[in-house]
Amino acid sequence: MWLQVAVCLSCLLLGGQGQERAAFYRSNDRNSRCQYTFTVASPAESSCPTAVGGAEMDSLKSRLTLLESLVSRLVGGDAGAVGAVPDAGLQEAYTQAMGENSQLQRDKERLDRQVQELQRRVEEQRQETERLLARPCQAPSAALQDQRPASDPAWQHGSPGYQELKAEVTEVPAPKQIQESSQENTGCGELVSIGEPVSHRRAEGIAGKYGVWMQDPEAVAPYGTQMLWRINTVGTEVRELFGYEDMDQLSLGFPTKVLLLPEPVESTGATMYRGSLYYQRRRSRTLLRYDLATESIASRRDLPHAGFHGQFPYSWGGYTDIDLAVDEQGLWAIYSTNKAKGAIVASQLDPNSLEVKKSWETNIRKNTVANAFMICGRLYTVASYSSPNTTVNYMFDTATSESKSVAVPLRNRYRYNSMVDYNRVQRKLFAWDNFHMVSYDVRLGKPEAN
C-alpha cells in the first residue's frame, strides 16, 4: 500500500517538476529504514546522490533472496532427485559384482570336482603299481596265458609309475639287395652298407627320450633267444629293466618281465651277453654284471682310468663316457682316459670277471663322434646324432691296429640318435632315435683272404 501511495505522489510531483522545480525522494536512513523527502532543487544540485545507490542495494537484496530460495530448494526437496542417479549406478555395480561372485563360486566347485577326479585316478595308479610290484613273476608263456601283461612305465621325477604306451610300427621293407646279401652273409668282412631304419616302437613320456634296447646273442635259461630287453635312461635313479618275449610284444608294449636293478644305471651304454646284463654304475667307472637268473650282481670291477659322468662323452652328451658292446669276438668297452687325451680306447673284457684282457688306443677323439659300435672286432663310429643323413665315418681294426676313414650312409630318421649297438644274431644295428626304437639291416663284405 505504501508503495502505491509513493508511486502516485511521484507521478504528481514529477508532473509539475518543470514549472516549480520541486522533487520527491526516497532513501534509507542509517537504520535501514525507508525515508521520504520532499525538496526543491537548489542551484547547486538537481538530484539526490543516494537515490541511485539505494535502488542498486534493493536490486542486490532481491537477487540474494532469489539465490537463497534456490539454495533452499536444492538442499531440500530437489536434492533427493539429484542424488537418485548415483544411487542407481551403485545398485547396478552391486548387482554385477554379485553375479561375478556367483560365477566364481560355480567355477570353484567345478575345479574342486576335477581335483577330486584326478586324485582318484592317482590313487588307482598307485594301487595298480603296488599290485604289479607285489605280483610274483611268472614264466613268459604262463603270463601271456593267464592275463594281459603289465604296461610299460613312465618315469616321473625319479619315481616309477605305470601307464599304457602306444605302439607305433612302421613297416619299411629292406632293399632286395640287402635282404639277399644278409641271407648269404655269414662272414666277418668290413661294413659295406646299412639299410633303411625300421621303427618297432615309440615310447611316450620324458622317460622315453633316451634309452637302450638289446638282445642277448647267447641267451641262457630261463629266457629264450627271442627275448628283448629295454631300459629307459631318463631319471635320477634308473633301475628298471623290462623284458619282452619277442619283437611283437615289444611293439605292443607288453613286458613279460620287470626287474628292479640293485644299483642305478648310467646312460645308454648297457648290453646283454650270456644271460647277464652289463652296465656302468651311476656316477662311477664301476662296471657291473647282473645275472638275470639269480637277479643279483654277479661281479663288479672298475674300468682302469676310464673317464665317467661327463668327462669323455659322445657328442650328444648324456654321460655316455663308457659304452659296452658285444660282437662276434665277445664283450667290449668303448671309452677314453686322461692318458689317451680324449681319444677312443677299445678294450676287450672278460665276461665273467670284467677284467680288461687287451686294449687299443685309436686316434679319433670321442667327443667328436655321435656313437660307436663293434662288428667282428672292428670299431665303427657315427658322425652325427641329429643330421637326417649322416655316415659311419671311421673304422678301427683291432686285428691290425690300423684305422681308416669310411663313408657308409646312415639315416637318423627322428634326428636324435642316442644309442647304436650291433646285434650279431640278426645282423642288425639296434638304435634309440628320439623316443623310437629302430633297427637297420647291415651288409658285411667278404673277409679278406690271409
Protein backbone atom coordinates (compact mmCIF):
# COMPACT_ATOMS: atom_id res chain seq x y z
CA MET A 1 0.00 0.00 0.00
CA TRP A 2 2.79 2.39 0.89
CA LEU A 3 4.37 1.59 -2.47
CA GLN A 4 1.21 2.58 -4.34
CA VAL A 5 0.97 5.88 -2.46
CA ALA A 6 4.61 6.63 -3.18
CA VAL A 7 4.14 5.98 -6.87
CA CYS A 8 1.12 8.27 -7.07
CA LEU A 9 2.90 11.08 -5.28
CA SER A 10 5.89 10.67 -7.51
CA CYS A 11 3.77 10.99 -10.62
CA LEU A 12 2.14 14.16 -9.33
CA LEU A 13 5.37 15.73 -8.28
CA LEU A 14 7.19 14.82 -11.48
CA GLY A 15 4.35 16.27 -13.48
CA GLY A 16 4.96 19.66 -12.06
CA GLN A 17 8.74 19.45 -11.87
CA GLY A 18 9.36 21.50 -14.92
CA GLN A 19 7.44 24.56 -13.58
CA GLU A 20 8.01 24.51 -9.79
CA ARG A 21 11.46 22.84 -9.82
CA ALA A 22 10.49 20.65 -6.79
CA ALA A 23 11.08 16.84 -6.29
CA PHE A 24 10.12 13.93 -4.02
CA TYR A 25 12.86 11.45 -2.96
CA ARG A 26 13.02 8.08 -1.16
CA SER A 27 16.11 6.79 0.60
CA ASN A 28 17.28 4.64 3.57
CA ASP A 29 18.46 6.09 6.80
CA ARG A 30 21.30 4.71 8.99
CA ASN A 31 18.95 2.12 10.47
CA SER A 32 18.00 0.84 7.00
CA ARG A 33 14.57 2.40 7.29
CA CYS A 34 12.84 3.95 4.27
CA GLN A 35 12.85 7.76 4.43
CA TYR A 36 10.78 10.03 2.13
CA THR A 37 11.95 13.59 1.42
CA PHE A 38 10.27 16.42 -0.47
CA THR A 39 12.72 19.03 -1.64
CA VAL A 40 13.13 21.84 -4.02
CA ALA A 41 16.19 21.66 -6.17
CA SER A 42 18.90 24.12 -5.32
CA PRO A 43 21.07 25.87 -7.84
CA ALA A 44 23.98 23.57 -6.90
CA GLU A 45 22.33 20.17 -7.09
CA SER A 46 19.49 18.83 -9.17
CA SER A 47 19.28 15.24 -7.84
CA CYS A 48 19.91 13.16 -4.70
CA PRO A 49 23.14 11.14 -4.96
CA THR A 50 21.88 8.42 -2.63
CA ALA A 51 18.75 7.63 -4.62
CA VAL A 52 20.59 5.55 -7.29
CA GLY A 53 22.66 3.78 -4.68
CA GLY A 54 19.56 2.83 -2.77
CA ALA A 55 17.96 1.28 -5.86
CA GLU A 56 21.06 -0.78 -6.54
CA MET A 57 21.06 -2.08 -2.97
CA ASP A 58 17.44 -3.11 -3.29
CA SER A 59 18.16 -4.95 -6.53
CA LEU A 60 21.10 -6.78 -4.89
CA LYS A 61 18.91 -7.81 -1.97
CA SER A 62 16.31 -9.16 -4.37
CA ARG A 63 18.92 -11.23 -6.15
CA LEU A 64 20.27 -12.58 -2.85
CA THR A 65 16.76 -13.53 -1.78
CA LEU A 66 16.28 -15.38 -5.07
CA LEU A 67 19.60 -17.24 -4.61
CA GLU A 68 18.64 -18.19 -1.04
CA SER A 69 15.38 -19.61 -2.34
CA LEU A 70 17.16 -21.67 -4.99
CA VAL A 71 19.68 -23.00 -2.46
CA SER A 72 16.88 -23.99 -0.12
CA ARG A 73 15.15 -25.89 -2.92
CA LEU A 74 18.35 -27.74 -3.83
CA VAL A 75 19.16 -28.66 -0.24
CA GLY A 76 15.59 -29.63 0.47
CA GLY A 77 13.21 -31.47 -1.85
CA ASP A 78 15.07 -31.15 -5.15
CA ALA A 79 18.33 -32.59 -3.74
CA GLY A 80 16.77 -36.02 -3.50
CA ALA A 81 16.13 -36.05 -7.22
CA VAL A 82 19.74 -35.12 -7.94
CA GLY A 83 21.13 -37.92 -5.68
CA ALA A 84 18.97 -40.61 -7.29
CA VAL A 85 21.35 -41.01 -10.22
CA PRO A 86 24.42 -42.06 -8.15
CA ASP A 87 22.21 -44.43 -6.13
CA ALA A 88 21.09 -46.19 -9.33
CA GLY A 89 24.72 -46.58 -10.51
CA LEU A 90 25.77 -48.10 -7.22
CA GLN A 91 22.88 -50.52 -7.34
CA GLU A 92 23.87 -51.67 -10.85
CA ALA A 93 27.54 -52.15 -9.85
CA TYR A 94 26.46 -54.14 -6.79
CA THR A 95 24.25 -56.38 -8.91
CA GLN A 96 27.11 -57.03 -11.37
CA ALA A 97 29.55 -57.83 -8.56
CA MET A 98 27.12 -60.33 -7.06
CA GLY A 99 26.73 -62.04 -10.46
CA GLU A 100 30.51 -62.36 -10.89
CA ASN A 101 30.81 -63.74 -7.38
CA SER A 102 28.23 -66.41 -8.20
CA GLN A 103 30.13 -67.35 -11.39
CA LEU A 104 33.41 -67.63 -9.48
CA GLN A 105 31.74 -69.86 -6.93
CA ARG A 106 30.50 -72.17 -9.70
CA ASP A 107 33.99 -72.27 -11.26
CA LYS A 108 35.49 -73.15 -7.88
CA GLU A 109 33.06 -76.03 -7.43
CA ARG A 110 33.87 -77.34 -10.92
CA LEU A 111 37.62 -77.20 -10.25
CA ASP A 112 37.11 -78.97 -6.93
CA ARG A 113 35.35 -81.80 -8.75
CA GLN A 114 38.21 -82.04 -11.27
CA VAL A 115 40.79 -82.17 -8.47
CA GLN A 116 38.85 -84.95 -6.77
CA GLU A 117 38.72 -86.90 -10.04
CA LEU A 118 42.48 -86.52 -10.57
CA GLN A 119 43.15 -87.62 -7.00
CA ARG A 120 41.01 -90.68 -7.60
CA ARG A 121 42.97 -91.57 -10.74
CA VAL A 122 46.30 -91.09 -8.98
CA GLU A 123 45.15 -93.40 -6.22
CA GLU A 124 44.10 -96.03 -8.79
CA GLN A 125 47.52 -95.76 -10.50
CA ARG A 126 49.27 -96.14 -7.13
CA GLN A 127 47.26 -99.24 -6.28
CA GLU A 128 47.95 -100.69 -9.74
CA THR A 129 51.69 -100.07 -9.28
CA GLU A 130 51.68 -101.80 -5.90
CA ARG A 131 49.78 -104.73 -7.34
CA LEU A 132 52.24 -105.12 -10.21
CA LEU A 133 55.27 -104.88 -7.95
CA ALA A 134 53.81 -107.38 -5.49
CA ARG A 135 52.77 -109.89 -8.13
CA PRO A 136 55.22 -112.83 -8.41
CA CYS A 137 56.97 -113.07 -11.76
CA GLN A 138 55.83 -115.94 -13.96
CA ALA A 139 57.32 -117.62 -16.93
CA PRO A 140 56.62 -115.66 -20.14
CA SER A 141 54.23 -118.23 -21.60
CA ALA A 142 52.18 -118.52 -18.39
CA ALA A 143 51.97 -114.77 -18.03
CA LEU A 144 50.61 -114.43 -21.54
CA GLN A 145 48.03 -117.19 -20.97
CA ASP A 146 46.82 -116.05 -17.57
CA GLN A 147 46.38 -112.36 -18.07
CA ARG A 148 47.32 -109.35 -20.08
CA PRO A 149 50.90 -108.32 -19.24
CA ALA A 150 51.75 -105.15 -17.44
CA SER A 151 52.13 -102.00 -19.49
CA ASP A 152 55.35 -100.04 -19.76
CA PRO A 153 56.20 -97.45 -17.12
CA ALA A 154 56.74 -93.73 -17.36
CA TRP A 155 59.34 -92.15 -15.15
CA GLN A 156 58.08 -89.07 -13.32
CA HIS A 157 60.69 -87.10 -11.39
CA GLY A 158 62.61 -90.22 -10.41
CA SER A 159 59.59 -92.19 -9.13
CA PRO A 160 58.35 -95.22 -11.09
CA GLY A 161 54.78 -95.27 -12.33
CA TYR A 162 52.91 -97.32 -14.87
CA GLN A 163 50.93 -96.16 -17.84
CA GLU A 164 49.79 -97.54 -21.18
CA LEU A 165 52.07 -96.50 -24.02
CA LYS A 166 51.05 -96.51 -27.63
CA ALA A 167 52.90 -98.64 -30.12
CA GLU A 168 53.93 -97.24 -33.45
CA VAL A 169 55.10 -99.79 -36.01
CA THR A 170 56.34 -98.74 -39.39
CA GLU A 171 56.81 -101.40 -42.00
CA VAL A 172 59.75 -100.41 -44.16
CA PRO A 173 60.94 -103.24 -46.38
CA ALA A 174 64.67 -103.51 -46.72
CA PRO A 175 66.09 -103.26 -50.21
CA LYS A 176 66.10 -106.59 -52.00
CA GLN A 177 69.84 -106.46 -52.48
CA ILE A 178 70.41 -106.15 -48.72
CA GLN A 179 67.94 -108.95 -47.93
CA GLU A 180 69.67 -111.35 -50.28
CA SER A 181 73.10 -110.34 -49.07
CA SER A 182 72.20 -110.80 -45.37
CA GLN A 183 70.95 -114.29 -46.05
CA GLU A 184 74.21 -115.28 -47.69
CA ASN A 185 76.43 -113.10 -45.50
CA THR A 186 77.85 -115.21 -42.70
CA GLY A 187 81.43 -113.92 -42.78
CA CYS A 188 83.14 -111.11 -40.91
CA GLY A 189 84.18 -108.67 -43.57
CA GLU A 190 84.06 -104.90 -43.30
CA LEU A 191 80.81 -102.96 -43.13
CA VAL A 192 79.56 -102.30 -46.67
CA SER A 193 76.09 -100.77 -46.28
CA ILE A 194 73.32 -100.00 -43.79
CA GLY A 195 69.63 -100.37 -44.67
CA GLU A 196 66.72 -98.03 -44.03
CA PRO A 197 65.59 -97.61 -40.40
CA VAL A 198 62.60 -99.73 -39.30
CA SER A 199 60.64 -98.36 -36.32
CA HIS A 200 59.45 -101.04 -33.87
CA ARG A 201 58.17 -98.93 -31.01
CA ARG A 202 57.66 -95.35 -29.90
CA ALA A 203 57.88 -94.62 -26.19
CA GLU A 204 55.95 -91.72 -24.70
CA GLY A 205 56.77 -89.57 -21.72
CA ILE A 206 60.09 -87.95 -20.86
CA ALA A 207 61.50 -91.31 -19.74
CA GLY A 208 61.41 -92.48 -23.37
CA LYS A 209 63.51 -89.66 -24.83
CA TYR A 210 66.72 -91.71 -24.45
CA GLY A 211 67.20 -95.37 -23.75
CA VAL A 212 68.80 -98.68 -24.71
CA TRP A 213 67.22 -101.85 -26.10
CA MET A 214 69.10 -105.09 -26.72
CA GLN A 215 69.02 -108.83 -27.31
CA ASP A 216 71.30 -111.47 -25.82
CA PRO A 217 73.21 -113.22 -28.66
CA GLU A 218 73.90 -116.19 -26.35
CA ALA A 219 70.78 -116.31 -24.20
CA VAL A 220 70.51 -118.89 -21.43
CA ALA A 221 67.60 -120.28 -19.41
CA PRO A 222 65.12 -119.23 -18.23
CA TYR A 223 64.94 -116.77 -21.14
CA GLY A 224 64.78 -117.64 -24.81
CA THR A 225 66.78 -116.37 -27.76
CA GLN A 226 63.90 -114.13 -28.90
CA MET A 227 63.76 -112.24 -25.59
CA LEU A 228 64.29 -108.47 -25.91
CA TRP A 229 65.26 -106.09 -23.12
CA ARG A 230 64.78 -102.39 -22.63
CA ILE A 231 65.86 -99.62 -20.21
CA ASN A 232 64.56 -96.06 -20.22
CA THR A 233 67.57 -94.00 -19.16
CA VAL A 234 65.95 -90.66 -18.27
CA GLY A 235 65.72 -90.22 -14.50
CA THR A 236 67.81 -89.63 -11.41
CA GLU A 237 67.67 -93.30 -10.35
CA VAL A 238 67.39 -95.54 -13.42
CA ARG A 239 66.86 -99.10 -12.15
CA GLU A 240 64.05 -100.72 -14.16
CA LEU A 241 64.76 -103.44 -16.72
CA PHE A 242 61.87 -104.61 -18.92
CA GLY A 243 61.84 -107.92 -20.76
CA TYR A 244 59.66 -108.79 -23.80
CA GLU A 245 59.08 -112.31 -25.05
CA ASP A 246 59.64 -111.31 -28.69
CA MET A 247 59.55 -108.39 -31.10
CA ASP A 248 55.74 -108.45 -31.36
CA GLN A 249 55.34 -108.00 -27.61
CA LEU A 250 57.87 -105.17 -27.65
CA SER A 251 55.90 -103.43 -30.40
CA LEU A 252 52.69 -103.81 -28.41
CA GLY A 253 54.34 -102.59 -25.20
CA PHE A 254 53.59 -105.67 -23.07
CA PRO A 255 56.60 -106.73 -20.95
CA THR A 256 56.61 -110.26 -19.54
CA LYS A 257 59.33 -109.49 -17.02
CA VAL A 258 60.08 -106.38 -14.94
CA LEU A 259 63.27 -106.33 -12.86
CA LEU A 260 64.42 -103.70 -10.38
CA LEU A 261 68.21 -103.43 -10.55
CA PRO A 262 70.03 -103.17 -7.21
CA GLU A 263 72.23 -100.27 -8.38
CA PRO A 264 71.35 -97.41 -10.76
CA VAL A 265 72.33 -97.31 -14.43
CA GLU A 266 74.43 -94.61 -16.09
CA SER A 267 73.40 -93.56 -19.61
CA THR A 268 72.76 -95.73 -22.70
CA GLY A 269 75.84 -97.97 -22.72
CA ALA A 270 74.35 -101.21 -21.35
CA THR A 271 74.37 -104.54 -23.22
CA MET A 272 73.28 -108.20 -22.86
CA TYR A 273 75.56 -111.25 -23.10
CA ARG A 274 75.37 -114.88 -21.91
CA GLY A 275 72.45 -114.41 -19.56
CA SER A 276 73.74 -111.23 -17.91
CA LEU A 277 73.14 -107.51 -18.17
CA TYR A 278 76.36 -105.49 -18.29
CA TYR A 279 76.16 -101.82 -17.35
CA GLN A 280 78.01 -98.90 -15.78
CA ARG A 281 77.06 -97.88 -12.25
CA ARG A 282 75.82 -94.31 -11.99
CA ARG A 283 78.47 -91.64 -11.28
CA SER A 284 81.36 -94.09 -11.30
CA ARG A 285 83.69 -96.06 -13.57
CA THR A 286 82.45 -99.29 -11.99
CA LEU A 287 81.18 -101.98 -14.36
CA LEU A 288 78.51 -104.39 -13.09
CA ARG A 289 77.40 -107.83 -14.29
CA TYR A 290 73.81 -108.51 -13.29
CA ASP A 291 72.84 -112.17 -13.56
CA LEU A 292 69.28 -112.48 -14.90
CA ALA A 293 68.72 -115.97 -13.48
CA THR A 294 69.60 -115.12 -9.86
CA GLU A 295 68.55 -111.45 -10.19
CA SER A 296 71.65 -110.25 -8.41
CA ILE A 297 75.04 -108.65 -9.05
CA ALA A 298 77.43 -111.43 -10.07
CA SER A 299 80.62 -109.35 -10.44
CA ARG A 300 81.89 -105.79 -10.43
CA ARG A 301 85.12 -104.09 -11.41
CA ASP A 302 86.38 -100.57 -12.03
CA LEU A 303 87.42 -99.90 -15.61
CA PRO A 304 91.02 -98.65 -15.14
CA HIS A 305 91.48 -94.88 -15.63
CA ALA A 306 88.19 -94.56 -17.56
CA GLY A 307 86.52 -91.17 -17.61
CA PHE A 308 82.95 -91.07 -16.31
CA HIS A 309 79.93 -88.82 -15.75
CA GLY A 310 80.67 -86.30 -18.47
CA GLN A 311 84.49 -86.42 -18.83
CA PHE A 312 84.63 -88.08 -22.26
CA PRO A 313 81.07 -88.48 -23.62
CA TYR A 314 79.88 -88.78 -27.19
CA SER A 315 78.97 -85.53 -28.94
CA TRP A 316 75.29 -85.71 -27.93
CA GLY A 317 76.19 -85.83 -24.21
CA GLY A 318 74.10 -87.97 -21.87
CA TYR A 319 77.06 -89.08 -19.68
CA THR A 320 77.99 -91.59 -22.39
CA ASP A 321 81.59 -91.95 -21.20
CA ILE A 322 81.55 -95.78 -21.12
CA ASP A 323 79.80 -97.71 -23.88
CA LEU A 324 79.61 -101.53 -23.63
CA ALA A 325 79.19 -103.63 -26.77
CA VAL A 326 79.04 -107.26 -27.92
CA ASP A 327 80.08 -108.71 -31.27
CA GLU A 328 81.38 -111.98 -32.71
CA GLN A 329 84.53 -111.74 -30.57
CA GLY A 330 82.85 -111.10 -27.21
CA LEU A 331 82.40 -108.23 -24.75
CA TRP A 332 83.92 -104.77 -25.33
CA ALA A 333 84.19 -101.41 -23.56
CA ILE A 334 84.45 -98.19 -25.60
CA TYR A 335 85.69 -95.25 -23.52
CA SER A 336 88.59 -92.80 -23.03
CA THR A 337 91.18 -91.84 -20.41
CA ASN A 338 93.26 -88.85 -19.40
CA LYS A 339 96.30 -90.62 -20.77
CA ALA A 340 94.61 -91.01 -24.15
CA LYS A 341 93.65 -87.29 -24.00
CA GLY A 342 90.05 -87.96 -25.01
CA ALA A 343 90.82 -90.39 -27.84
CA ILE A 344 88.70 -93.54 -28.04
CA VAL A 345 90.04 -96.61 -26.27
CA ALA A 346 88.57 -100.05 -27.10
CA SER A 347 89.13 -102.79 -24.51
CA GLN A 348 88.13 -106.43 -24.70
CA LEU A 349 86.71 -107.64 -21.35
CA ASP A 350 86.44 -110.99 -19.66
CA PRO A 351 82.65 -111.59 -19.50
CA ASN A 352 82.83 -113.25 -16.07
CA SER A 353 85.30 -111.12 -14.11
CA LEU A 354 85.07 -107.90 -16.19
CA GLU A 355 88.87 -107.78 -16.24
CA VAL A 356 90.47 -105.99 -19.20
CA LYS A 357 92.09 -108.57 -21.49
CA LYS A 358 93.57 -106.17 -24.06
CA SER A 359 93.22 -102.50 -25.06
CA TRP A 360 93.67 -100.49 -28.26
CA GLU A 361 94.02 -96.72 -28.41
CA THR A 362 92.66 -95.04 -31.55
CA ASN A 363 93.39 -91.61 -33.00
CA ILE A 364 89.84 -90.23 -33.04
CA ARG A 365 88.51 -88.05 -30.24
CA LYS A 366 85.44 -89.49 -28.54
CA ASN A 367 83.52 -86.23 -28.21
CA THR A 368 83.70 -85.60 -31.96
CA VAL A 369 81.53 -88.60 -32.87
CA ALA A 370 77.89 -89.30 -32.03
CA ASN A 371 78.20 -93.00 -31.19
CA ALA A 372 80.25 -96.16 -31.78
CA PHE A 373 79.73 -99.92 -32.10
CA MET A 374 81.75 -103.11 -32.68
CA ILE A 375 81.38 -105.60 -35.55
CA CYS A 376 83.80 -108.52 -35.95
CA GLY A 377 86.47 -106.86 -33.83
CA ARG A 378 86.25 -103.58 -35.73
CA LEU A 379 85.26 -100.29 -34.12
CA TYR A 380 82.93 -98.06 -36.17
CA THR A 381 81.87 -94.50 -35.31
CA VAL A 382 78.80 -92.46 -36.34
CA ALA A 383 79.42 -88.90 -37.49
CA SER A 384 76.20 -87.18 -36.29
CA TYR A 385 73.30 -87.99 -33.99
CA SER A 386 70.94 -85.29 -35.37
CA SER A 387 71.64 -84.98 -39.09
CA PRO A 388 68.95 -86.90 -41.03
CA ASN A 389 71.55 -88.18 -43.49
CA THR A 390 74.81 -88.93 -41.72
CA THR A 391 77.55 -91.55 -42.20
CA VAL A 392 79.60 -94.14 -40.39
CA ASN A 393 82.80 -92.19 -40.80
CA TYR A 394 85.60 -94.13 -39.13
CA MET A 395 86.77 -97.71 -38.72
CA PHE A 396 89.49 -99.14 -36.47
CA ASP A 397 90.54 -102.79 -36.88
CA THR A 398 91.78 -104.35 -33.65
CA ALA A 399 93.30 -107.25 -35.61
CA THR A 400 95.76 -104.98 -37.42
CA SER A 401 95.66 -101.88 -35.16
CA GLU A 402 95.01 -99.86 -38.30
CA SER A 403 92.36 -97.23 -38.85
CA LYS A 404 90.83 -95.54 -41.86
CA SER A 405 88.06 -93.15 -42.84
CA VAL A 406 84.90 -94.63 -44.32
CA ALA A 407 81.63 -93.18 -45.61
CA VAL A 408 78.76 -95.64 -45.09
CA PRO A 409 75.40 -93.76 -45.22
CA LEU A 410 73.13 -93.98 -42.16
CA ARG A 411 69.77 -92.24 -41.64
CA ASN A 412 68.70 -90.61 -38.39
CA ARG A 413 65.02 -90.59 -39.23
CA TYR A 414 63.93 -88.92 -35.97
CA ARG A 415 67.04 -86.74 -35.65
CA TYR A 416 68.26 -87.59 -32.14
CA ASN A 417 70.06 -90.92 -32.11
CA SER A 418 71.31 -91.59 -28.58
CA MET A 419 72.23 -95.29 -28.85
CA VAL A 420 73.63 -97.56 -31.59
CA ASP A 421 74.61 -101.20 -30.95
CA TYR A 422 75.25 -104.23 -33.15
CA ASN A 423 73.10 -107.37 -32.90
CA ARG A 424 75.22 -110.20 -34.22
CA VAL A 425 72.37 -112.78 -34.23
CA GLN A 426 70.13 -110.76 -36.54
CA ARG A 427 72.96 -108.92 -38.27
CA LYS A 428 71.28 -105.61 -37.49
CA LEU A 429 72.03 -102.37 -35.75
CA PHE A 430 69.71 -101.51 -32.85
CA ALA A 431 69.25 -97.76 -32.20
CA TRP A 432 67.22 -95.43 -29.99
CA ASP A 433 66.30 -92.38 -32.04
CA ASN A 434 64.30 -89.68 -30.24
CA PHE A 435 61.74 -91.92 -28.44
CA HIS A 436 61.86 -94.53 -31.25
CA MET A 437 63.38 -98.00 -31.08
CA VAL A 438 64.60 -98.69 -34.62
CA SER A 439 66.74 -101.29 -36.36
CA TYR A 440 68.89 -101.30 -39.51
CA ASP A 441 69.93 -104.23 -41.66
CA VAL A 442 73.69 -104.30 -42.25
CA ARG A 443 75.69 -105.83 -45.03
CA LEU A 444 79.24 -107.01 -44.49
CA GLY A 445 81.77 -107.66 -47.20
CA LYS A 446 83.63 -110.89 -47.75
CA PRO A 447 86.52 -111.48 -45.37
CA GLU A 448 89.91 -110.78 -46.87
CA ALA A 449 91.99 -113.88 -47.60
CA ASN A 450 95.00 -114.28 -45.36
